[in-house]
Every structure is written in C-alpha cells, then in structure tokens.
Amino acid sequence: MESHFPPEIWEVIHSHLPSVDLLRVACVCRQWRHLARRICQRRCQFLPPRLLVELTHECSLARHIPIKSKRSTDPAHISLNPAHRPLISVHTPSKSASTSPNANNITPSAAQLTLNAPNITPTTNVRPDDRHDSPSPIPPPTNDDMEVEAEDDDGGVDWLEVTRMVVRTRLTTRPDDCSVSRQLTGVALLASTDSFMVVVTHCGSGARMVLLGEEGEECHTSFTGTVNKVCVMEGGGEPPMLAVCVDKELQLLLVQHHLHALTPLSITPQLSVDSRISCEGHMLVMSQLVDEYHLVVYQAQLVSHTSVELTLLGRLTTTSSPLIWDLWNGFVTVLVSGGHVSCYTLSGTLVGESPLYKDLRYPNPTLLSRGLVFASTITSRTLLSYWHMDRDRDYWLVGESVLTGWVQRGAEAVGNTASVTQTRDVTMQTEEEEHGRRAYQEPVNSCILTLAKVRVGSAHMQEVTVIHYRRGIVFCGTKLGDLLIYNILTEEMEPSKSIKWGRMECCSPLLHLSLGQSPISRLSSYFTVRGIAVAVGDRERNCQVVTVPYTHLT
C-alpha cells in the first residue's frame, strides 16, 4: 500500500529522518533521491554561512576522477557519480532554493566583519536533526522540479554531498573512541586531500615521498635534493596532481588511480619558484624569484598523461615582500613583511588589508587557510624575553581575510576565476540585462581586516604551537604534545553572527588527546569513511596518524 503513496507524503515522512538515514534513503530510487535532495537543501540553509560557503565550494572542487571505485558500507559515504565542475566556483542557489530578490546586489562595505548570506533565509535556530520539519510549506515535486534535479547534477549544488560533508564534521567527544592507525619517523612535510595523505621524509641528500590511502594503499617515489613544499591539485574531471618544490624547481607528478604509482610530468614552461607555492583546483600561485614584490598566477592543464602546460593568468603586486600566501575561492591572502595581511583578487586588485600588527613581522607559526588567518606570537614573545620584556603568555591573531559576502553574489561575482577574462564595461547594458547577466565586478573600496587576539587553549592552560583548519574544525597542537580539537562553526550559532573565536579561548575543546611529550610542529588531516585521519608530527620528526570517528559511528 505504501508503494502507492504520492511523492508529497513520502517527503513528509522522510523529513523526520536524521541526515545519516536520509543519505541512505537517497540510494533507494530516483524519486526518493530527489526528495532527499530537497530536504537536504532546506536543512543546509540552517548552516552557518561561512561553513555553507566552504562546503559548497569544496563539493564543486572535489568532483574529480575518484582514487578508488569501491562500494562503501558507510551510510554517509554515497557514490553520487558527479559530473564535471569548474575549477573554482562560488555558491549559487538552484532554482528550487529560497533566494532573496536582492541577493545579487550586495557590495562589501569598509570594516565589514560580519558574515553575510543573502541567499540564506532561516526562520529558526533549532537544528534540523532535532526537530520535525513542518510539512505544510512543502510543495509536491513537479516535472519542472525533475528537470531542476537534472540541472543540479550538471552544474548546481549537490546538496546530498554537502549533507554528507556536514555529517563528517560531527566528531566524537570521547578520547577512548580514537585510535592511532600509523606511526611514522623522520617526517619533514605533510599534505593531504580527502582521499589520501602525502608524507615526505628526508634521508641524506635526497627525499622520499609516500602517499597513504585510507584502505592501506601506498605508493612512493624518491627525489634527489630537498623537498621544500608539496601541494595537491585536483578537480575539473582530472586525476590529482602533486606540485612539488625541489631545490627551487617546480615538479609535477600525476597520481594514478588506486594510488598505483606517481608519474612524473614534463612542464611547459620550466619554472624556478620559491618554496611557498599555493594551489587550489588547478590554479597555482607562486613567486618566481624575479621581483620580491610580485606573485604570479598560473593554471595547469594536463595535455597528456606525461605533460602539463602552464598558462600565465596574471601577476599580483604586493606592498612589501610576501612571506606566505594562500589561494581560496578566487582570492589570494598574503602576509607581507611589513606586518599586514592583504587580500587580492586574481586580477591583482586589493580588496582587503589589515592594520599594522608588529607580531606579524616575526617568523611566528602562521596558517593561511580558506580565507582564514591564524598567526601565533610565540616567537616574538620569546625574542622579547631576551630583552627582559615579559609580555605574559602568548596569544594568536585570528580573523578572516575573505568575507562570505564577497563570494555569494552569483556565478559572475568576485571570486569566480572563470570571470577574470570577461569585460568589465557594463555602462551600455540596461538594468534588466545587468541584473540577469552581471559582468565581473570588484569592490570599490577595500575592507579593513581586523584580527582578534585569542589565547588559544587557555581553558586547559596549554601553549598552542601549531594550528590546522578544515570545514570549521580547528586542530591545535600544543607544546606538551597534546591535540586539541575545536569546532568554531557550529549549527547552533545564529547565521547572522560571525565566527566565534572565543570558543578556542574560553571553552573546553571538543576533544583532548595526549599523544606524547614533544611539542607538536605540524598537522594535517583528511576525511575517511570511518573518521577524520589526523597526522600529528612533533619536533623530533615523529608522526602519528590518529583516527577520530564520527558521532554516528560511535
């Protein structure tokens, strides 16, 4: 009898399921998959704007040829057979999403520090999994909705994949649930994706790189010289590539399926680069050691299985010598030697700059990740102590360099790298044409990016030596060898509020693990079927891979 229920009845029934069960329902048939997608889309509108932007952007980048084609038993790990995506994309609501008529007319103002989400209109702050969705506003799906579903599979937001990512941000709070899966020695560098981890060890005059998969797959290669940096490039329907800086020379390696092997690629043109390269998708931002105030942006295109062609997209001129930089969602965040943090578009326009922070002039542990800034003051405090200038304990300068309001203004707004080459002259267009087909536009005035002073780990009297960030989760390594995990983008926070940096100072961490006695110097993580695998390396170059399971698995 229930097989003859109309779709709107099934949608009311499925709306009572938690997200994990809803992902199972999506595997039953096409109709249930469409209904589950609609429910997931409504629930995702209750996510913090910053987290929603990160997940939708990461979801589009993750649509590449999978490392392994294995059927998983995890209910939250669903093979969606995604279509190809653009390399860099911004959050664009589908036709069935709830949007605001002024969603495409938002311009950042000076000193804008709160997160704006023009296309998110929540009506309550209750978590969707803790309440029953109201059946009254649910319209029955029509043939047009089925067409929208097909469009979503090709170019929209995959809300099932976003929901799966949300499920994988809910970690266990019990240390006994965690386990050490691997122990490595002599580790110098760490990098990771959602499918594998890259470990680099130095031995003598050479280096060895090992790729570790979540099911025990391994492949390795050796280098003659010192490996200074490793970045992973993936997306656009291509297999992943590794960008490796070996003694100021850029090398690219193609990762074969199932981690069978690493194939060296010939590069056109050959480049001598600085070790502080950064990449996202197939975009590379690097310094070519020609002008200390210039950064160059390249796009890597895989011509064949043995060669890659690099195309110069533009140059960024910084106010002083860049110390470290990061690319995310079409914006480049740069920490310069003058003590400022600046944010640029790929066309080279300055859209955000911080006031002077003297602590940024010192070689402190610093992380620029996904438009966020984490800069320690532990080195500057130590140097000042030599001059008998005690400044109490250290703190971290934390803040945002890329505001959410910049990357939610449509497919052709600031932050979409595909629109860099488009014309900027819109004076000849009518208002209707400009509203429907906006040209690439940049903020008129740059924002003031202020950084908060946060004593990370002070609730446990811990001195944090390194920080790693993924999907709203902050992993902190301490001087005593402990791992602290915080969640700064929770579903309970109001969508109109900014990131709660004070959670890392006043609140106890989500998880506290004691892993050793040596200070932790490097962190990396990737999301597996069973949990988040966190690689924790100390100053003695010992590394432990700790698996932190998800809540629904514990």
Protein backbone atom coordinates (compact mmCIF):
# COMPACT_ATOMS: atom_id res chain seq x y z
CA MET A 1 0.00 0.00 0.00
CA GLU A 2 2.77 2.43 0.89
CA SER A 3 4.32 1.93 -2.55
CA HIS A 4 1.42 3.95 -3.98
CA PHE A 5 1.90 6.97 -1.70
CA PRO A 6 2.22 10.25 -3.62
CA PRO A 7 5.64 11.97 -3.52
CA GLU A 8 4.49 14.70 -1.11
CA ILE A 9 3.58 12.06 1.51
CA TRP A 10 6.98 10.44 1.19
CA GLU A 11 8.64 13.83 1.58
CA VAL A 12 6.78 14.44 4.84
CA ILE A 13 7.85 11.02 6.10
CA HIS A 14 11.48 11.45 5.06
CA SER A 15 11.66 14.91 6.63
CA HIS A 16 11.55 13.24 10.06
CA LEU A 17 14.76 11.27 9.40
CA PRO A 18 18.19 12.36 10.62
CA SER A 19 20.76 13.22 7.99
CA VAL A 20 22.55 9.86 8.13
CA ASP A 21 19.33 7.92 7.43
CA LEU A 22 18.33 10.46 4.80
CA LEU A 23 21.52 9.68 2.89
CA ARG A 24 20.56 6.01 2.97
CA VAL A 25 17.09 6.86 1.63
CA ALA A 26 18.69 8.65 -1.34
CA CYS A 27 20.15 5.34 -2.51
CA VAL A 28 16.79 3.58 -2.88
CA CYS A 29 15.40 5.04 -6.10
CA ARG A 30 15.45 8.17 -8.20
CA GLN A 31 12.25 9.57 -6.72
CA TRP A 32 13.48 9.19 -3.14
CA ARG A 33 16.82 10.62 -4.17
CA HIS A 34 15.10 13.73 -5.48
CA LEU A 35 13.03 14.06 -2.30
CA ALA A 36 16.10 13.59 -0.10
CA ARG A 37 17.92 16.25 -2.09
CA ARG A 38 15.10 18.74 -1.49
CA ILE A 39 15.08 18.03 2.25
CA CYS A 40 18.87 18.31 2.45
CA GLN A 41 18.73 21.62 0.61
CA ARG A 42 16.31 23.08 3.17
CA ARG A 43 18.37 21.79 6.09
CA CYS A 44 21.60 23.19 4.69
CA GLN A 45 20.11 26.68 4.80
CA PHE A 46 20.39 26.47 8.60
CA LEU A 47 24.16 26.03 8.47
CA PRO A 48 26.43 28.95 9.39
CA PRO A 49 27.04 30.99 6.22
CA ARG A 50 30.79 30.54 6.41
CA LEU A 51 30.51 26.75 6.68
CA LEU A 52 27.95 26.59 3.88
CA VAL A 53 30.24 28.53 1.52
CA GLU A 54 33.18 26.29 2.35
CA LEU A 55 31.26 23.06 1.85
CA THR A 56 29.60 24.06 -1.43
CA HIS A 57 32.91 25.30 -2.80
CA GLU A 58 34.75 22.17 -1.67
CA CYS A 59 31.99 20.00 -3.10
CA SER A 60 32.46 21.51 -6.55
CA LEU A 61 36.25 21.15 -6.35
CA ALA A 62 36.01 17.53 -5.19
CA ARG A 63 34.31 16.40 -8.38
CA HIS A 64 37.28 14.62 -9.89
CA ILE A 65 38.01 11.08 -11.01
CA PRO A 66 37.94 9.07 -7.76
CA ILE A 67 41.08 7.47 -6.41
CA LYS A 68 39.24 4.20 -5.90
CA SER A 69 35.92 2.91 -7.18
CA LYS A 70 34.91 0.83 -4.18
CA ARG A 71 31.39 0.40 -2.85
CA SER A 72 31.33 1.60 0.73
CA THR A 73 29.24 0.31 3.59
CA ASP A 74 29.21 3.65 5.35
CA PRO A 75 25.68 5.14 5.09
CA ALA A 76 27.14 8.64 4.88
CA HIS A 77 29.56 7.69 2.09
CA ILE A 78 27.45 7.62 -1.05
CA SER A 79 28.79 7.43 -4.58
CA LEU A 80 26.99 10.17 -6.47
CA ASN A 81 28.68 9.76 -9.86
CA PRO A 82 29.15 13.54 -10.12
CA ALA A 83 29.57 15.43 -13.33
CA HIS A 84 32.49 17.68 -14.14
CA ARG A 85 32.69 21.01 -12.35
CA PRO A 86 34.53 24.27 -12.95
CA LEU A 87 37.85 24.59 -11.18
CA ILE A 88 36.80 27.46 -8.95
CA SER A 89 33.16 28.15 -8.27
CA VAL A 90 31.05 30.07 -5.80
CA HIS A 91 27.81 29.15 -4.05
CA THR A 92 24.96 29.64 -6.49
CA PRO A 93 21.48 28.58 -5.37
CA SER A 94 19.44 26.37 -7.66
CA LYS A 95 16.03 27.30 -8.99
CA SER A 96 14.30 25.48 -6.18
CA ALA A 97 16.28 27.22 -3.44
CA SER A 98 14.85 30.04 -1.38
CA THR A 99 16.52 33.21 -2.57
CA SER A 100 16.25 36.87 -1.90
CA PRO A 101 15.48 39.31 -4.73
CA ASN A 102 18.47 41.44 -3.70
CA ALA A 103 20.90 38.55 -3.43
CA ASN A 104 22.97 39.75 -6.37
CA ASN A 105 23.26 43.37 -5.28
CA ILE A 106 25.45 43.06 -2.24
CA THR A 107 28.64 45.09 -2.02
CA PRO A 108 31.06 44.84 0.90
CA SER A 109 31.46 48.00 2.93
CA ALA A 110 34.55 49.18 4.73
CA ALA A 111 35.25 47.46 8.03
CA GLN A 112 32.72 44.73 7.18
CA LEU A 113 33.45 41.98 9.66
CA THR A 114 30.18 40.05 9.91
CA LEU A 115 29.25 37.26 7.55
CA ASN A 116 26.53 37.99 5.04
CA ALA A 117 24.44 35.26 3.47
CA PRO A 118 22.00 36.88 1.04
CA ASN A 119 20.61 33.59 -0.22
CA ILE A 120 20.07 32.02 3.21
CA THR A 121 16.78 32.82 4.90
CA PRO A 122 16.41 30.65 8.01
CA THR A 123 13.37 31.10 10.20
CA THR A 124 14.58 29.33 13.32
CA ASN A 125 17.81 28.48 15.08
CA VAL A 126 16.79 24.94 16.01
CA ARG A 127 18.96 22.22 14.49
CA PRO A 128 17.10 20.42 11.69
CA ASP A 129 18.00 16.98 13.05
CA ASP A 130 16.50 17.82 16.46
CA ARG A 131 13.05 18.81 15.25
CA HIS A 132 10.40 17.64 12.79
CA ASP A 133 10.28 19.57 9.53
CA SER A 134 6.91 21.19 9.06
CA PRO A 135 5.01 19.51 6.22
CA SER A 136 2.84 22.49 5.41
CA PRO A 137 5.25 24.55 3.25
CA ILE A 138 6.42 21.52 1.23
CA PRO A 139 5.10 21.70 -2.33
CA PRO A 140 4.79 18.44 -4.24
CA PRO A 141 7.54 17.88 -6.81
CA THR A 142 6.59 18.59 -10.40
CA ASN A 143 8.09 17.82 -13.76
CA ASP A 144 9.94 21.12 -13.59
CA ASP A 145 11.49 20.00 -10.33
CA MET A 146 12.71 16.83 -12.00
CA GLU A 147 14.32 18.98 -14.69
CA VAL A 148 15.96 21.09 -11.99
CA GLU A 149 17.29 17.88 -10.47
CA ALA A 150 18.98 17.05 -13.76
CA GLU A 151 20.39 20.56 -13.92
CA ASP A 152 21.70 20.24 -10.37
CA ASP A 153 23.55 17.08 -11.33
CA ASP A 154 25.37 19.01 -14.06
CA GLY A 155 26.01 22.48 -12.72
CA GLY A 156 24.28 23.21 -9.42
CA VAL A 157 24.96 22.42 -5.79
CA ASP A 158 24.86 18.75 -4.85
CA TRP A 159 23.03 19.02 -1.54
CA LEU A 160 23.42 15.33 -0.78
CA GLU A 161 27.18 15.67 -0.98
CA VAL A 162 27.08 18.80 1.17
CA THR A 163 24.98 16.92 3.74
CA ARG A 164 27.48 14.09 3.75
CA MET A 165 30.23 16.62 4.48
CA VAL A 166 28.16 18.06 7.33
CA VAL A 167 27.75 14.59 8.84
CA ARG A 168 31.52 14.22 8.73
CA THR A 169 32.07 17.38 10.75
CA ARG A 170 30.36 15.89 13.81
CA LEU A 171 33.17 14.21 15.70
CA THR A 172 33.19 12.09 18.80
CA THR A 173 33.91 13.77 22.11
CA ARG A 174 35.30 10.65 23.81
CA PRO A 175 39.08 10.11 23.63
CA ASP A 176 38.61 6.35 24.05
CA ASP A 177 36.93 6.19 20.63
CA CYS A 178 40.10 7.44 18.90
CA SER A 179 42.94 5.19 17.81
CA VAL A 180 46.42 5.51 16.33
CA SER A 181 46.43 3.80 12.92
CA ARG A 182 50.01 4.56 11.79
CA GLN A 183 53.32 5.65 13.27
CA LEU A 184 55.99 7.23 11.07
CA THR A 185 59.51 8.53 11.70
CA GLY A 186 61.69 11.14 10.01
CA VAL A 187 58.69 13.10 8.68
CA ALA A 188 59.57 16.56 7.31
CA LEU A 189 56.42 17.59 5.41
CA LEU A 190 52.73 16.68 5.46
CA ALA A 191 49.94 17.34 2.96
CA SER A 192 46.55 15.75 2.35
CA THR A 193 43.33 15.63 0.34
CA ASP A 194 40.02 13.92 1.05
CA SER A 195 41.39 10.67 -0.40
CA PHE A 196 45.00 10.29 0.67
CA MET A 197 47.82 11.77 2.70
CA VAL A 198 51.27 12.83 1.49
CA VAL A 199 54.25 12.20 3.77
CA VAL A 200 57.76 13.44 2.91
CA THR A 201 60.86 12.17 4.70
CA HIS A 202 64.43 13.40 4.20
CA CYS A 203 67.35 10.98 4.21
CA GLY A 204 70.87 12.05 3.35
CA SER A 205 70.98 14.13 0.18
CA GLY A 206 67.55 13.04 -1.02
CA ALA A 207 63.92 12.78 -0.02
CA ARG A 208 61.22 10.13 -0.16
CA MET A 209 57.53 10.82 -0.71
CA VAL A 210 54.86 8.34 0.34
CA LEU A 211 51.12 8.52 -0.41
CA LEU A 212 48.92 6.78 2.14
CA GLY A 213 45.33 5.80 1.34
CA GLU A 214 42.57 5.17 3.83
CA GLU A 215 42.33 1.46 2.97
CA GLY A 216 46.08 0.81 3.24
CA GLU A 217 47.05 1.73 -0.34
CA GLU A 218 50.55 3.11 -0.70
CA CYS A 219 52.83 4.43 -3.43
CA HIS A 220 56.13 6.21 -3.14
CA THR A 221 58.82 7.97 -5.13
CA SER A 222 62.26 9.47 -4.41
CA PHE A 223 63.83 12.84 -5.14
CA THR A 224 67.42 13.98 -5.44
CA GLY A 225 67.54 17.13 -3.37
CA THR A 226 65.45 18.77 -0.68
CA VAL A 227 61.66 18.84 -0.94
CA ASN A 228 60.55 22.23 0.39
CA LYS A 229 56.79 22.17 -0.29
CA VAL A 230 54.07 19.83 -1.56
CA CYS A 231 50.64 20.92 -2.82
CA VAL A 232 47.83 18.77 -4.18
CA MET A 233 45.93 19.92 -7.30
CA GLU A 234 42.64 18.22 -8.09
CA GLY A 235 39.34 18.94 -9.79
CA GLY A 236 37.91 19.53 -13.22
CA GLY A 237 37.44 15.83 -14.01
CA GLU A 238 41.19 15.22 -13.89
CA PRO A 239 43.18 12.85 -11.68
CA PRO A 240 45.05 14.57 -8.84
CA MET A 241 48.48 16.06 -9.41
CA LEU A 242 51.19 16.90 -6.88
CA ALA A 243 53.06 20.21 -7.19
CA VAL A 244 56.45 19.71 -5.55
CA CYS A 245 59.15 22.30 -4.98
CA VAL A 246 62.55 20.55 -5.06
CA ASP A 247 65.55 22.87 -4.57
CA LYS A 248 63.69 25.89 -6.05
CA GLU A 249 62.49 23.86 -9.04
CA LEU A 250 58.83 23.09 -9.71
CA GLN A 251 57.99 19.46 -10.42
CA LEU A 252 54.56 17.93 -11.11
CA LEU A 253 53.53 14.33 -10.51
CA LEU A 254 50.36 12.59 -11.71
CA VAL A 255 48.63 10.34 -9.15
CA GLN A 256 47.44 7.15 -10.81
CA HIS A 257 44.10 5.57 -9.87
CA HIS A 258 44.04 3.41 -6.76
CA LEU A 259 47.37 5.02 -5.79
CA HIS A 260 49.15 2.60 -8.10
CA ALA A 261 52.03 4.93 -8.97
CA LEU A 262 53.26 8.51 -9.31
CA THR A 263 54.09 9.55 -12.88
CA PRO A 264 56.50 12.49 -13.41
CA LEU A 265 55.13 15.10 -15.80
CA SER A 266 57.05 17.35 -18.16
CA ILE A 267 56.25 21.03 -17.57
CA THR A 268 55.95 23.73 -20.22
CA PRO A 269 57.49 26.16 -19.45
CA GLN A 270 60.06 25.10 -16.86
CA LEU A 271 59.95 27.35 -13.78
CA SER A 272 62.24 28.21 -10.89
CA VAL A 273 59.98 29.08 -7.99
CA ASP A 274 60.00 29.90 -4.33
CA SER A 275 59.11 27.11 -1.90
CA ARG A 276 55.95 28.88 -0.65
CA ILE A 277 53.69 27.82 -3.52
CA SER A 278 49.95 27.58 -3.01
CA CYS A 279 47.28 25.93 -5.14
CA GLU A 280 43.57 25.24 -5.36
CA GLY A 281 41.98 23.28 -8.14
CA HIS A 282 44.48 23.59 -10.99
CA MET A 283 45.47 27.15 -10.07
CA LEU A 284 48.98 27.85 -8.77
CA VAL A 285 50.17 31.00 -7.00
CA MET A 286 53.94 31.25 -6.69
CA SER A 287 56.94 33.56 -6.61
CA GLN A 288 59.39 33.14 -9.49
CA LEU A 289 62.26 34.81 -7.60
CA VAL A 290 62.37 37.66 -10.14
CA ASP A 291 60.76 40.50 -8.22
CA GLU A 292 60.31 40.24 -4.47
CA TYR A 293 57.06 42.22 -4.64
CA HIS A 294 55.37 40.10 -7.29
CA LEU A 295 53.35 36.89 -7.22
CA VAL A 296 52.30 35.08 -10.39
CA VAL A 297 49.17 33.02 -11.02
CA TYR A 298 49.31 30.01 -13.33
CA GLN A 299 46.75 27.49 -14.47
CA ALA A 300 47.94 23.92 -15.03
CA GLN A 301 46.33 21.99 -17.88
CA LEU A 302 47.01 18.29 -18.30
CA VAL A 303 47.83 17.93 -22.01
CA SER A 304 48.55 14.20 -21.82
CA HIS A 305 49.44 11.62 -19.20
CA THR A 306 53.06 12.77 -19.44
CA SER A 307 52.95 16.55 -19.91
CA VAL A 308 51.40 19.65 -18.36
CA GLU A 309 51.09 23.13 -19.82
CA LEU A 310 51.18 26.16 -17.51
CA THR A 311 49.28 29.27 -18.60
CA LEU A 312 50.08 32.63 -17.01
CA LEU A 313 46.87 34.27 -15.78
CA GLY A 314 48.20 37.37 -14.04
CA ARG A 315 50.53 38.99 -11.55
CA LEU A 316 49.90 40.33 -8.06
CA THR A 317 51.90 43.31 -6.82
CA THR A 318 52.18 43.40 -3.03
CA THR A 319 53.03 46.38 -0.85
CA SER A 320 56.11 44.66 0.58
CA SER A 321 57.85 41.32 0.32
CA PRO A 322 55.31 38.46 0.68
CA LEU A 323 56.13 35.99 3.44
CA ILE A 324 53.33 33.45 2.99
CA TRP A 325 50.23 33.28 0.81
CA ASP A 326 47.19 31.12 0.18
CA LEU A 327 44.61 30.75 -2.61
CA TRP A 328 40.94 30.07 -1.86
CA ASN A 329 37.83 30.63 -3.96
CA GLY A 330 39.47 33.09 -6.31
CA PHE A 331 41.08 35.21 -3.57
CA VAL A 332 44.76 35.30 -2.61
CA THR A 333 45.56 36.05 1.03
CA VAL A 334 49.09 37.36 1.54
CA LEU A 335 51.04 38.01 4.73
CA VAL A 336 53.72 40.61 3.93
CA SER A 337 56.90 41.53 5.75
CA GLY A 338 55.56 44.94 6.71
CA GLY A 339 53.18 43.36 9.23
CA HIS A 340 49.96 43.46 7.19
CA VAL A 341 47.58 40.81 5.87
CA SER A 342 46.23 41.63 2.42
CA CYS A 343 43.62 40.00 0.22
CA TYR A 344 43.70 40.22 -3.60
CA THR A 345 41.57 39.02 -6.46
CA LEU A 346 43.29 37.02 -9.18
CA SER A 347 43.25 40.12 -11.34
CA GLY A 348 45.52 41.82 -8.78
CA THR A 349 43.00 44.16 -7.12
CA LEU A 350 43.46 44.76 -3.39
CA VAL A 351 40.09 44.14 -1.70
CA GLY A 352 41.10 43.81 1.95
CA GLU A 353 44.00 44.87 4.17
CA SER A 354 44.64 44.66 7.88
CA PRO A 355 46.12 47.33 10.14
CA LEU A 356 49.75 47.00 11.20
CA TYR A 357 50.44 44.07 13.55
CA LYS A 358 54.04 44.12 14.73
CA ASP A 359 53.89 40.46 15.74
CA LEU A 360 53.42 39.53 12.09
CA ARG A 361 56.94 40.77 11.34
CA TYR A 362 58.45 37.85 13.25
CA PRO A 363 58.71 34.26 11.91
CA ASN A 364 55.82 33.04 14.06
CA PRO A 365 53.88 29.86 13.30
CA THR A 366 51.22 31.04 10.83
CA LEU A 367 48.43 29.37 8.88
CA LEU A 368 46.51 30.92 5.99
CA SER A 369 43.71 28.53 5.10
CA ARG A 370 40.44 29.03 3.21
CA GLY A 371 40.37 32.76 3.75
CA LEU A 372 41.18 32.48 7.47
CA VAL A 373 44.26 33.74 9.30
CA PHE A 374 45.90 32.06 12.30
CA ALA A 375 49.15 33.75 13.39
CA SER A 376 50.95 32.93 16.64
CA THR A 377 53.06 35.29 18.75
CA ILE A 378 55.15 32.61 20.44
CA THR A 379 58.36 33.50 18.57
CA SER A 380 58.07 37.26 19.11
CA ARG A 381 57.33 36.70 22.79
CA THR A 382 60.44 34.54 23.11
CA LEU A 383 62.63 37.12 21.41
CA LEU A 384 61.28 39.91 23.61
CA SER A 385 62.09 37.86 26.69
CA TYR A 386 65.76 38.05 25.75
CA TRP A 387 65.47 41.82 26.32
CA HIS A 388 63.69 41.23 29.66
CA MET A 389 60.39 42.38 28.15
CA ASP A 390 57.97 39.83 29.53
CA ARG A 391 54.57 40.01 27.82
CA ASP A 392 52.84 37.27 29.80
CA ARG A 393 51.87 34.16 27.80
CA ASP A 394 51.47 34.05 24.03
CA TYR A 395 48.28 34.55 22.02
CA TRP A 396 47.10 34.03 18.44
CA LEU A 397 45.97 36.65 15.94
CA VAL A 398 42.92 35.16 14.20
CA GLY A 399 40.48 36.55 11.67
CA GLU A 400 39.03 36.40 8.17
CA SER A 401 40.65 37.68 5.02
CA VAL A 402 37.87 36.50 2.67
CA LEU A 403 34.38 37.55 3.75
CA THR A 404 31.41 35.36 2.92
CA GLY A 405 29.53 38.29 1.42
CA TRP A 406 32.13 38.52 -1.36
CA VAL A 407 31.57 35.02 -2.68
CA GLN A 408 27.76 34.78 -2.67
CA ARG A 409 26.77 37.27 -5.32
CA GLY A 410 26.18 34.91 -8.22
CA ALA A 411 28.22 32.93 -10.72
CA GLU A 412 29.93 36.04 -12.14
CA ALA A 413 30.72 37.87 -8.93
CA VAL A 414 34.05 38.50 -7.28
CA GLY A 415 35.88 35.28 -6.51
CA ASN A 416 34.91 33.39 -9.66
CA THR A 417 38.15 32.87 -11.55
CA ALA A 418 36.31 31.90 -14.69
CA SER A 419 35.11 35.51 -15.00
CA VAL A 420 38.52 37.18 -14.81
CA THR A 421 38.78 37.47 -18.58
CA GLN A 422 35.29 38.88 -19.02
CA THR A 423 34.65 42.51 -19.82
CA ARG A 424 34.06 44.95 -17.00
CA ASP A 425 32.25 47.61 -19.02
CA VAL A 426 28.56 47.42 -18.22
CA THR A 427 27.60 51.03 -19.00
CA MET A 428 25.90 50.03 -22.26
CA GLN A 429 23.66 47.44 -20.62
CA THR A 430 20.17 48.08 -19.40
CA GLU A 431 19.21 47.45 -15.81
CA GLU A 432 17.42 44.23 -16.76
CA GLU A 433 20.41 42.92 -18.69
CA GLU A 434 22.80 43.85 -15.92
CA HIS A 435 20.65 42.11 -13.28
CA GLY A 436 20.37 38.92 -15.33
CA ARG A 437 23.92 38.83 -16.70
CA ARG A 438 26.34 40.66 -14.43
CA ALA A 439 29.88 41.29 -15.66
CA TYR A 440 32.90 40.76 -13.47
CA GLN A 441 32.95 43.48 -10.82
CA GLU A 442 35.28 44.21 -7.94
CA PRO A 443 34.62 46.00 -4.65
CA VAL A 444 35.04 49.74 -4.96
CA ASN A 445 36.59 50.12 -1.52
CA SER A 446 38.84 47.63 0.21
CA CYS A 447 37.74 46.30 3.58
CA ILE A 448 39.63 46.67 6.83
CA LEU A 449 40.54 43.19 8.05
CA THR A 450 40.97 43.18 11.81
CA LEU A 451 42.44 40.22 13.68
CA ALA A 452 41.31 39.20 17.15
CA LYS A 453 43.73 38.34 19.94
CA VAL A 454 42.80 34.87 21.21
CA ARG A 455 44.67 32.87 23.82
CA VAL A 456 44.01 29.50 22.21
CA GLY A 457 43.93 26.64 24.68
CA SER A 458 43.88 28.86 27.75
CA ALA A 459 40.95 26.89 29.23
CA HIS A 460 43.39 23.97 29.67
CA MET A 461 46.46 26.16 30.27
CA GLN A 462 48.03 24.85 27.05
CA GLU A 463 50.54 26.63 24.84
CA VAL A 464 49.49 26.02 21.22
CA THR A 465 52.40 25.65 18.81
CA VAL A 466 50.63 24.83 15.52
CA ILE A 467 47.10 25.06 14.06
CA HIS A 468 45.37 23.23 11.21
CA TYR A 469 41.90 24.04 9.82
CA ARG A 470 39.27 22.07 7.84
CA ARG A 471 35.48 22.62 7.48
CA GLY A 472 35.03 24.69 10.62
CA ILE A 473 37.20 22.35 12.71
CA VAL A 474 40.41 23.71 14.24
CA PHE A 475 43.12 21.21 15.18
CA CYS A 476 45.63 22.60 17.69
CA GLY A 477 48.97 21.03 18.63
CA THR A 478 50.44 22.05 21.98
CA LYS A 479 53.89 22.33 23.50
CA LEU A 480 53.14 19.36 25.79
CA GLY A 481 52.33 17.06 22.85
CA ASP A 482 48.53 17.25 23.14
CA LEU A 483 45.99 17.56 20.35
CA LEU A 484 43.04 19.93 20.93
CA ILE A 485 40.08 19.94 18.52
CA TYR A 486 37.60 22.84 18.39
CA ASN A 487 34.52 23.48 16.25
CA ILE A 488 34.18 27.20 15.56
CA LEU A 489 31.30 26.90 13.05
CA THR A 490 28.52 25.09 14.86
CA GLU A 491 24.95 24.63 13.69
CA GLU A 492 23.66 26.24 16.90
CA MET A 493 25.15 29.64 16.08
CA GLU A 494 22.95 32.28 14.51
CA PRO A 495 23.52 32.69 10.76
CA SER A 496 23.90 36.45 11.15
CA LYS A 497 26.76 36.14 13.63
CA SER A 498 30.47 35.97 12.82
CA ILE A 499 32.84 33.20 13.77
CA LYS A 500 33.03 32.52 17.49
CA TRP A 501 36.77 32.80 18.03
CA GLY A 502 36.26 32.84 21.80
CA ARG A 503 35.35 29.15 21.74
CA MET A 504 39.07 28.37 21.44
CA GLU A 505 39.86 30.52 24.47
CA CYS A 506 37.01 30.23 26.96
CA CYS A 507 35.53 26.81 26.18
CA SER A 508 36.90 23.33 26.60
CA PRO A 509 37.88 21.66 23.31
CA LEU A 510 35.59 19.22 21.60
CA LEU A 511 38.30 16.58 22.01
CA HIS A 512 41.54 16.49 24.02
CA LEU A 513 44.14 13.81 23.18
CA SER A 514 47.54 13.29 24.83
CA LEU A 515 49.89 11.87 22.19
CA GLY A 516 53.40 12.37 23.56
CA GLN A 517 55.86 14.63 25.33
CA SER A 518 57.48 16.52 22.44
CA PRO A 519 55.95 19.78 21.13
CA ILE A 520 53.79 19.32 18.03
CA SER A 521 55.14 21.15 14.98
CA ARG A 522 52.97 20.02 12.05
CA LEU A 523 49.38 18.88 11.49
CA SER A 524 47.38 17.61 8.54
CA SER A 525 44.05 15.80 8.12
CA TYR A 526 41.83 14.06 5.62
CA PHE A 527 38.29 12.66 5.81
CA THR A 528 37.90 8.89 5.54
CA VAL A 529 34.88 6.60 5.72
CA ARG A 530 35.47 5.78 9.39
CA GLY A 531 36.53 9.22 10.63
CA ILE A 532 39.00 12.07 10.26
CA ALA A 533 42.59 10.90 10.00
CA VAL A 534 44.81 13.50 11.69
CA ALA A 535 48.56 13.30 11.11
CA VAL A 536 50.36 14.76 14.13
CA GLY A 537 54.10 15.42 13.79
CA ASP A 538 56.38 16.58 16.61
CA ARG A 539 59.70 18.43 16.59
CA GLU A 540 61.61 15.15 16.66
CA ARG A 541 60.04 14.27 13.28
CA ASN A 542 57.91 11.51 14.70
CA CYS A 543 54.39 11.33 13.28
CA GLN A 544 51.23 9.57 14.43
CA VAL A 545 48.08 9.20 12.32
CA VAL A 546 45.11 9.37 14.70
CA THR A 547 41.62 8.35 13.54
CA VAL A 548 38.83 10.42 15.13
CA PRO A 549 35.49 8.70 14.33
CA TYR A 550 32.25 10.48 13.51
CA THR A 551 29.44 10.71 16.02
CA HIS A 552 27.04 8.44 14.12
CA LEU A 553 29.66 5.66 14.15
CA THR A 554 30.21 5.78 17.92
